[in-house]
Amino acid sequence: MMEIINHTLAIDGVELDCELEFVPGQTATEIDPAFPAEAHLISAKVGGVDIHELLDLRIRIIIEESAVIAYHE
């Protein structure tokens, strides 16, 4: 089940307040295959201004992977 999460991360000295769609992973069952947790960036704000569309793909991946690690426990 997807949920919306908030995640704060500092990258290159800039603190980003991020909102992401988070889908927790699942272990395999007799019917369904296993799949890993995923996070997809919705917004990344600096001082209240959303800059997620301006972020390099590398930064977006770092944010999403960081959120998965933080919330997949």
Foldseek 3Di string as FASTA:
>chain_A
DKDKDWDWDADPNFIWTWIWIKDQWDPDDPVRHTDHIWIATDFIDGPRDTDVVVDDPVVRVVVTVVVSVVPRD
